[in-house]
């Protein structure tokens, strides 16, 4: 494990099996991600982008190889330990927002803090603070279906960063948004990166986002074809 790596993968492989049919998704990926990076992984459809993101987030397990998160080997964790690691160390932003429809914007944002056992007064204070920083505090008492897609995705970002996770993993976060809204969201995440030191790792094919990252990793057929600082 590299001393300064936030996440490191070693010979990471993932093969999906359906009956007797095997479909390789990742093939020996060696990668290091560092704190405060604003990084994207790109590549053609089927290149393994989402698979890599899911493995890094502990949402799936590799077929072979290892993932270290802040020095902890994820393969050695039980299901409960892995769930706890995700809860405390990783924030997620999904293409489909994944907000809970029966909770308000404020309650959605604070939900991860509730799962962490934070007392109500503190989690409400922290949730209101991040909503204010992201310019959406006025929607705190609204339900997700009462606000726009762009506003919902801002709430998803607020929920992802409210607990100060080690890294935020974002899977096609701008896919459902128009150009203006996408650029606003990207600039918002860039600000969180520069001002709060939030570490972001994106799976995306959106050139609007790729133009703004400071590191771009390209996957082709499940392998790292290029890794460049920008």
C-alpha atoms as a PDB file:
ATOM      1  CA  UNK A   1       0.000   0.000   0.000  1.00  0.00           C
ATOM      2  CA  UNK A   2       1.424   3.368  -1.046  1.00  0.00           C
ATOM      3  CA  UNK A   3       1.939   5.622   1.987  1.00  0.00           C
ATOM      4  CA  UNK A   4       0.135   8.626   0.500  1.00  0.00           C
ATOM      5  CA  UNK A   5      -2.630   6.895  -1.479  1.00  0.00           C
ATOM      6  CA  UNK A   6      -6.200   7.380  -0.362  1.00  0.00           C
ATOM      7  CA  UNK A   7      -7.302   4.427  -2.493  1.00  0.00           C
ATOM      8  CA  UNK A   8      -5.064   1.901  -4.187  1.00  0.00           C
ATOM      9  CA  UNK A   9      -6.063  -1.007  -6.405  1.00  0.00           C
ATOM     10  CA  UNK A  10      -3.711  -3.904  -7.099  1.00  0.00           C
ATOM     11  CA  UNK A  11      -4.290  -6.227 -10.064  1.00  0.00           C
ATOM     12  CA  UNK A  12      -8.021  -5.567  -9.805  1.00  0.00           C
ATOM     13  CA  UNK A  13     -10.179  -7.893 -11.886  1.00  0.00           C
ATOM     14  CA  UNK A  14     -13.924  -8.380 -12.229  1.00  0.00           C
ATOM     15  CA  UNK A  15     -15.658 -11.022 -14.327  1.00  0.00           C
ATOM     16  CA  UNK A  16     -19.421 -11.387 -14.488  1.00  0.00           C
ATOM     17  CA  UNK A  17     -20.831 -14.883 -14.893  1.00  0.00           C
ATOM     18  CA  UNK A  18     -24.217 -15.818 -16.326  1.00  0.00           C
ATOM     19  CA  UNK A  19     -24.523 -19.563 -16.362  1.00  0.00           C
ATOM     20  CA  UNK A  20     -21.480 -20.790 -18.275  1.00  0.00           C
ATOM     21  CA  UNK A  21     -20.860 -17.419 -19.940  1.00  0.00           C
ATOM     22  CA  UNK A  22     -18.091 -15.215 -18.520  1.00  0.00           C
ATOM     23  CA  UNK A  23     -17.882 -11.506 -19.333  1.00  0.00           C
ATOM     24  CA  UNK A  24     -14.692  -9.744 -18.212  1.00  0.00           C
ATOM     25  CA  UNK A  25     -15.246  -6.142 -17.037  1.00  0.00           C
ATOM     26  CA  UNK A  26     -11.908  -5.223 -15.467  1.00  0.00           C
ATOM     27  CA  UNK A  27      -8.572  -6.801 -16.264  1.00  0.00           C
ATOM     28  CA  UNK A  28      -5.674  -6.102 -13.892  1.00  0.00           C
ATOM     29  CA  UNK A  29      -6.287  -2.461 -12.943  1.00  0.00           C
ATOM     30  CA  UNK A  30      -3.510  -0.868 -10.849  1.00  0.00           C
ATOM     31  CA  UNK A  31      -4.492   2.580  -9.666  1.00  0.00           C
ATOM     32  CA  UNK A  32      -3.784   5.129  -6.936  1.00  0.00           C
ATOM     33  CA  UNK A  33      -6.114   7.966  -5.967  1.00  0.00           C
ATOM     34  CA  UNK A  34      -4.990  10.734  -3.634  1.00  0.00           C
ATOM     35  CA  UNK A  35      -6.698  13.141  -1.279  1.00  0.00           C
ATOM     36  CA  UNK A  36      -8.058  16.391  -2.785  1.00  0.00           C
ATOM     37  CA  UNK A  37      -7.970  15.038  -6.352  1.00  0.00           C
ATOM     38  CA  UNK A  38     -10.727  15.883  -8.827  1.00  0.00           C
ATOM     39  CA  UNK A  39     -10.484  12.859 -11.100  1.00  0.00           C
ATOM     40  CA  UNK A  40     -12.602  11.259 -13.797  1.00  0.00           C
ATOM     41  CA  UNK A  41     -12.500   7.844 -15.403  1.00  0.00           C
ATOM     42  CA  UNK A  42     -13.708   7.813 -18.997  1.00  0.00           C
ATOM     43  CA  UNK A  43     -13.953   5.317 -21.801  1.00  0.00           C
ATOM     44  CA  UNK A  44     -16.383   3.787 -24.263  1.00  0.00           C
ATOM     45  CA  UNK A  45     -19.526   2.001 -23.158  1.00  0.00           C
ATOM     46  CA  UNK A  46     -18.586  -1.341 -21.638  1.00  0.00           C
ATOM     47  CA  UNK A  47     -15.046  -0.259 -20.771  1.00  0.00           C
ATOM     48  CA  UNK A  48     -15.562  -0.915 -17.046  1.00  0.00           C
ATOM     49  CA  UNK A  49     -16.116   2.615 -15.671  1.00  0.00           C
ATOM     50  CA  UNK A  50     -19.173   1.878 -13.536  1.00  0.00           C
ATOM     51  CA  UNK A  51     -17.770  -1.486 -12.478  1.00  0.00           C
ATOM     52  CA  UNK A  52     -14.630   0.229 -11.175  1.00  0.00           C
ATOM     53  CA  UNK A  53     -16.703   2.795  -9.297  1.00  0.00           C
ATOM     54  CA  UNK A  54     -18.875   0.116  -7.705  1.00  0.00           C
ATOM     55  CA  UNK A  55     -15.828  -1.863  -6.602  1.00  0.00           C
ATOM     56  CA  UNK A  56     -14.121   1.193  -5.115  1.00  0.00           C
ATOM     57  CA  UNK A  57     -17.302   2.007  -3.225  1.00  0.00           C
ATOM     58  CA  UNK A  58     -17.674  -1.491  -1.819  1.00  0.00           C
ATOM     59  CA  UNK A  59     -20.980  -1.977  -3.635  1.00  0.00           C
ATOM     60  CA  UNK A  60     -19.540  -5.069  -5.323  1.00  0.00           C
ATOM     61  CA  UNK A  61     -16.538  -7.302  -4.737  1.00  0.00           C
ATOM     62  CA  UNK A  62     -13.759  -7.995  -7.251  1.00  0.00           C
ATOM     63  CA  UNK A  63     -13.134 -11.427  -8.737  1.00  0.00           C
ATOM     64  CA  UNK A  64      -9.474 -11.041  -7.796  1.00  0.00           C
ATOM     65  CA  UNK A  65      -7.010  -8.368  -6.775  1.00  0.00           C
ATOM     66  CA  UNK A  66      -7.224  -5.955  -3.884  1.00  0.00           C
ATOM     67  CA  UNK A  67      -8.551  -2.526  -2.977  1.00  0.00           C
ATOM     68  CA  UNK A  68      -7.027  -0.564  -0.111  1.00  0.00           C
ATOM     69  CA  UNK A  69      -9.000   2.352   1.343  1.00  0.00           C
ATOM     70  CA  UNK A  70      -6.812   4.461   3.630  1.00  0.00           C
ATOM     71  CA  UNK A  71      -4.668   1.400   4.277  1.00  0.00           C
ATOM     72  CA  UNK A  72      -7.537  -1.010   4.927  1.00  0.00           C
ATOM     73  CA  UNK A  73      -7.766  -4.042   2.640  1.00  0.00           C
ATOM     74  CA  UNK A  74     -11.431  -4.197   1.668  1.00  0.00           C
ATOM     75  CA  UNK A  75     -11.369  -7.915   0.805  1.00  0.00           C
ATOM     76  CA  UNK A  76     -10.802  -8.785   4.450  1.00  0.00           C
ATOM     77  CA  UNK A  77     -13.918  -6.997   5.665  1.00  0.00           C
ATOM     78  CA  UNK A  78     -17.160  -8.695   6.557  1.00  0.00           C
ATOM     79  CA  UNK A  79     -20.399  -7.483   4.987  1.00  0.00           C
ATOM     80  CA  UNK A  80     -21.182  -5.411   8.102  1.00  0.00           C
ATOM     81  CA  UNK A  81     -17.668  -3.957   8.255  1.00  0.00           C
ATOM     82  CA  UNK A  82     -17.850  -3.042   4.585  1.00  0.00           C
ATOM     83  CA  UNK A  83     -21.215  -1.341   5.124  1.00  0.00           C
ATOM     84  CA  UNK A  84     -19.733   0.665   7.992  1.00  0.00           C
ATOM     85  CA  UNK A  85     -16.734   1.658   5.880  1.00  0.00           C
ATOM     86  CA  UNK A  86     -19.042   2.889   3.112  1.00  0.00           C
ATOM     87  CA  UNK A  87     -21.124   4.813   5.635  1.00  0.00           C
ATOM     88  CA  UNK A  88     -18.206   6.625   7.243  1.00  0.00           C
ATOM     89  CA  UNK A  89     -15.645   6.984   4.441  1.00  0.00           C
ATOM     90  CA  UNK A  90     -17.468   7.182   1.102  1.00  0.00           C
ATOM     91  CA  UNK A  91     -20.053   9.569  -0.313  1.00  0.00           C
ATOM     92  CA  UNK A  92     -22.088   8.587  -3.370  1.00  0.00           C
ATOM     93  CA  UNK A  93     -23.725  10.649  -6.131  1.00  0.00           C
ATOM     94  CA  UNK A  94     -25.796   8.656  -8.620  1.00  0.00           C
ATOM     95  CA  UNK A  95     -27.167   9.482 -12.061  1.00  0.00           C
ATOM     96  CA  UNK A  96     -30.743   8.964 -10.815  1.00  0.00           C
ATOM     97  CA  UNK A  97     -30.288  11.123  -7.666  1.00  0.00           C
ATOM     98  CA  UNK A  98     -31.597   8.309  -5.366  1.00  0.00           C
ATOM     99  CA  UNK A  99     -33.279  10.696  -2.945  1.00  0.00           C
ATOM    100  CA  UNK A 100     -35.858   9.251  -0.544  1.00  0.00           C
ATOM    101  CA  UNK A 101     -39.234  10.604  -1.752  1.00  0.00           C
ATOM    102  CA  UNK A 102     -40.935  10.641   1.676  1.00  0.00           C
ATOM    103  CA  UNK A 103     -38.144  12.723   3.250  1.00  0.00           C
ATOM    104  CA  UNK A 104     -37.675  16.469   2.803  1.00  0.00           C
ATOM    105  CA  UNK A 105     -34.534  17.948   1.289  1.00  0.00           C
ATOM    106  CA  UNK A 106     -33.206  18.620   4.794  1.00  0.00           C
ATOM    107  CA  UNK A 107     -34.030  15.094   5.965  1.00  0.00           C
ATOM    108  CA  UNK A 108     -32.440  13.544   2.855  1.00  0.00           C
ATOM    109  CA  UNK A 109     -29.272  15.534   3.437  1.00  0.00           C
ATOM    110  CA  UNK A 110     -29.114  14.588   7.109  1.00  0.00           C
ATOM    111  CA  UNK A 111     -29.997  10.922   6.575  1.00  0.00           C
ATOM    112  CA  UNK A 112     -26.407   9.636   6.411  1.00  0.00           C
ATOM    113  CA  UNK A 113     -25.657  11.468   9.667  1.00  0.00           C
ATOM    114  CA  UNK A 114     -28.641   9.761  11.267  1.00  0.00           C
ATOM    115  CA  UNK A 115     -27.287   6.380  10.147  1.00  0.00           C
ATOM    116  CA  UNK A 116     -23.955   7.338  11.718  1.00  0.00           C
ATOM    117  CA  UNK A 117     -25.704   7.944  15.057  1.00  0.00           C
ATOM    118  CA  UNK A 118     -25.201  11.726  15.112  1.00  0.00           C
ATOM    119  CA  UNK A 119     -27.659  13.427  17.487  1.00  0.00           C
ATOM    120  CA  UNK A 120     -30.553  15.199  15.798  1.00  0.00           C
ATOM    121  CA  UNK A 121     -29.581  18.760  16.697  1.00  0.00           C
ATOM    122  CA  UNK A 122     -26.093  18.331  15.243  1.00  0.00           C
ATOM    123  CA  UNK A 123     -27.193  16.574  12.064  1.00  0.00           C
ATOM    124  CA  UNK A 124     -29.850  19.214  11.352  1.00  0.00           C
ATOM    125  CA  UNK A 125     -27.299  21.981  11.914  1.00  0.00           C
ATOM    126  CA  UNK A 126     -24.751  20.338   9.622  1.00  0.00           C
ATOM    127  CA  UNK A 127     -27.356  19.615   6.954  1.00  0.00           C
ATOM    128  CA  UNK A 128     -28.625  23.200   6.952  1.00  0.00           C
ATOM    129  CA  UNK A 129     -25.061  24.477   6.738  1.00  0.00           C
ATOM    130  CA  UNK A 130     -24.173  22.445   3.655  1.00  0.00           C
ATOM    131  CA  UNK A 131     -27.497  23.276   1.974  1.00  0.00           C
ATOM    132  CA  UNK A 132     -26.676  26.941   2.540  1.00  0.00           C
ATOM    133  CA  UNK A 133     -23.189  26.514   1.105  1.00  0.00           C
ATOM    134  CA  UNK A 134     -24.679  24.879  -1.994  1.00  0.00           C
ATOM    135  CA  UNK A 135     -27.323  27.581  -2.414  1.00  0.00           C
ATOM    136  CA  UNK A 136     -30.373  25.384  -1.852  1.00  0.00           C
ATOM    137  CA  UNK A 137     -31.315  26.037   1.777  1.00  0.00           C
ATOM    138  CA  UNK A 138     -34.602  27.577   0.581  1.00  0.00           C
ATOM    139  CA  UNK A 139     -35.710  24.061  -0.467  1.00  0.00           C
ATOM    140  CA  UNK A 140     -34.965  22.487   2.927  1.00  0.00           C
ATOM    141  CA  UNK A 141     -38.619  21.730   3.703  1.00  0.00           C
ATOM    142  CA  UNK A 142     -39.582  20.663   0.165  1.00  0.00           C
ATOM    143  CA  UNK A 143     -39.919  17.062  -0.983  1.00  0.00           C
ATOM    144  CA  UNK A 144     -37.785  15.849  -3.909  1.00  0.00           C
ATOM    145  CA  UNK A 145     -40.709  15.732  -6.361  1.00  0.00           C
ATOM    146  CA  UNK A 146     -41.304  19.460  -5.791  1.00  0.00           C
ATOM    147  CA  UNK A 147     -37.885  20.592  -7.030  1.00  0.00           C
ATOM    148  CA  UNK A 148     -36.092  20.373 -10.387  1.00  0.00           C
ATOM    149  CA  UNK A 149     -33.668  17.685 -11.470  1.00  0.00           C
ATOM    150  CA  UNK A 150     -30.719  20.034 -11.081  1.00  0.00           C
ATOM    151  CA  UNK A 151     -31.816  20.944  -7.562  1.00  0.00           C
ATOM    152  CA  UNK A 152     -32.292  17.262  -6.716  1.00  0.00           C
ATOM    153  CA  UNK A 153     -28.748  16.528  -7.859  1.00  0.00           C
ATOM    154  CA  UNK A 154     -27.450  19.384  -5.687  1.00  0.00           C
ATOM    155  CA  UNK A 155     -29.241  17.732  -2.763  1.00  0.00           C
ATOM    156  CA  UNK A 156     -27.548  14.459  -3.690  1.00  0.00           C
ATOM    157  CA  UNK A 157     -24.168  16.221  -3.616  1.00  0.00           C
ATOM    158  CA  UNK A 158     -25.050  17.815  -0.258  1.00  0.00           C
ATOM    159  CA  UNK A 159     -25.933  14.382   1.139  1.00  0.00           C
ATOM    160  CA  UNK A 160     -22.665  12.952  -0.219  1.00  0.00           C
ATOM    161  CA  UNK A 161     -20.407  15.564   1.405  1.00  0.00           C
ATOM    162  CA  UNK A 162     -22.281  16.441   4.629  1.00  0.00           C
ATOM    163  CA  UNK A 163     -20.394  13.820   6.649  1.00  0.00           C
ATOM    164  CA  UNK A 164     -16.960  14.829   5.281  1.00  0.00           C
ATOM    165  CA  UNK A 165     -16.195  11.431   3.711  1.00  0.00           C
ATOM    166  CA  UNK A 166     -12.728  10.490   2.526  1.00  0.00           C
ATOM    167  CA  UNK A 167     -13.918  10.423  -1.092  1.00  0.00           C
ATOM    168  CA  UNK A 168     -17.065  11.107  -3.133  1.00  0.00           C
ATOM    169  CA  UNK A 169     -17.778   8.623  -5.933  1.00  0.00           C
ATOM    170  CA  UNK A 170     -20.059  10.005  -8.647  1.00  0.00           C
ATOM    171  CA  UNK A 171     -21.520   7.828 -11.412  1.00  0.00           C
ATOM    172  CA  UNK A 172     -22.562   9.932 -14.439  1.00  0.00           C
ATOM    173  CA  UNK A 173     -23.782  12.781 -12.181  1.00  0.00           C
ATOM    174  CA  UNK A 174     -24.624  15.115 -15.092  1.00  0.00           C
ATOM    175  CA  UNK A 175     -26.248  12.563 -17.409  1.00  0.00           C
ATOM    176  CA  UNK A 176     -29.836  13.700 -16.777  1.00  0.00           C
ATOM    177  CA  UNK A 177     -29.127  17.440 -16.732  1.00  0.00           C
ATOM    178  CA  UNK A 178     -29.141  20.109 -19.428  1.00  0.00           C
ATOM    179  CA  UNK A 179     -25.947  21.960 -20.315  1.00  0.00           C
ATOM    180  CA  UNK A 180     -26.464  25.015 -18.088  1.00  0.00           C
ATOM    181  CA  UNK A 181     -27.489  22.921 -15.086  1.00  0.00           C
ATOM    182  CA  UNK A 182     -24.618  20.493 -15.684  1.00  0.00           C
ATOM    183  CA  UNK A 183     -22.042  23.281 -15.781  1.00  0.00           C
ATOM    184  CA  UNK A 184     -23.483  24.782 -12.589  1.00  0.00           C
ATOM    185  CA  UNK A 185     -23.241  21.395 -10.861  1.00  0.00           C
ATOM    186  CA  UNK A 186     -19.690  20.804 -12.087  1.00  0.00           C
ATOM    187  CA  UNK A 187     -18.618  24.257 -10.885  1.00  0.00           C
ATOM    188  CA  UNK A 188     -20.257  23.516  -7.541  1.00  0.00           C
ATOM    189  CA  UNK A 189     -18.290  20.283  -7.130  1.00  0.00           C
ATOM    190  CA  UNK A 190     -15.101  22.050  -8.210  1.00  0.00           C
ATOM    191  CA  UNK A 191     -15.705  24.623  -5.488  1.00  0.00           C
ATOM    192  CA  UNK A 192     -16.201  21.895  -2.885  1.00  0.00           C
ATOM    193  CA  UNK A 193     -12.934  20.386  -4.082  1.00  0.00           C
ATOM    194  CA  UNK A 194     -10.934  23.622  -3.944  1.00  0.00           C
ATOM    195  CA  UNK A 195     -12.474  25.241  -0.860  1.00  0.00           C
ATOM    196  CA  UNK A 196     -13.319  22.242   1.336  1.00  0.00           C
ATOM    197  CA  UNK A 197     -10.723  19.778   0.040  1.00  0.00           C
ATOM    198  CA  UNK A 198     -13.386  17.255  -0.983  1.00  0.00           C
ATOM    199  CA  UNK A 199     -11.981  14.404  -3.078  1.00  0.00           C
ATOM    200  CA  UNK A 200     -14.068  13.443  -6.127  1.00  0.00           C
ATOM    201  CA  UNK A 201     -13.836  10.469  -8.460  1.00  0.00           C
ATOM    202  CA  UNK A 202     -16.246  10.429 -11.404  1.00  0.00           C
ATOM    203  CA  UNK A 203     -17.282   7.807 -13.911  1.00  0.00           C
ATOM    204  CA  UNK A 204     -18.451   9.831 -16.896  1.00  0.00           C
ATOM    205  CA  UNK A 205     -18.379  10.337 -20.644  1.00  0.00           C
ATOM    206  CA  UNK A 206     -19.572  13.954 -20.349  1.00  0.00           C
ATOM    207  CA  UNK A 207     -16.994  16.209 -22.021  1.00  0.00           C
ATOM    208  CA  UNK A 208     -18.277  19.163 -20.000  1.00  0.00           C
ATOM    209  CA  UNK A 209     -17.035  17.390 -16.889  1.00  0.00           C
ATOM    210  CA  UNK A 210     -13.927  15.903 -18.486  1.00  0.00           C
ATOM    211  CA  UNK A 211     -12.793  19.398 -19.463  1.00  0.00           C
ATOM    212  CA  UNK A 212     -12.795  20.443 -15.793  1.00  0.00           C
ATOM    213  CA  UNK A 213     -11.090  17.560 -14.005  1.00  0.00           C
ATOM    214  CA  UNK A 214      -7.406  17.769 -13.108  1.00  0.00           C
ATOM    215  CA  UNK A 215      -6.758  14.071 -13.737  1.00  0.00           C
ATOM    216  CA  UNK A 216      -8.255  11.860 -16.432  1.00  0.00           C
ATOM    217  CA  UNK A 217      -8.037   8.079 -16.445  1.00  0.00           C
ATOM    218  CA  UNK A 218      -9.150   6.285 -19.612  1.00  0.00           C
ATOM    219  CA  UNK A 219     -10.331   2.690 -19.555  1.00  0.00           C
ATOM    220  CA  UNK A 220     -10.462   0.525 -22.685  1.00  0.00           C
ATOM    221  CA  UNK A 221     -11.640  -3.078 -22.486  1.00  0.00           C
ATOM    222  CA  UNK A 222     -11.248  -3.094 -18.708  1.00  0.00           C
ATOM    223  CA  UNK A 223      -7.661  -1.853 -18.690  1.00  0.00           C
ATOM    224  CA  UNK A 224      -6.100   1.557 -17.985  1.00  0.00           C
ATOM    225  CA  UNK A 225      -5.178   2.883 -21.418  1.00  0.00           C
ATOM    226  CA  UNK A 226      -4.156   6.371 -20.271  1.00  0.00           C
ATOM    227  CA  UNK A 227      -3.709   8.284 -17.004  1.00  0.00           C
ATOM    228  CA  UNK A 228      -2.926  11.973 -17.361  1.00  0.00           C
ATOM    229  CA  UNK A 229      -2.726  15.042 -15.189  1.00  0.00           C
ATOM    230  CA  UNK A 230      -4.340  18.100 -16.768  1.00  0.00           C
END
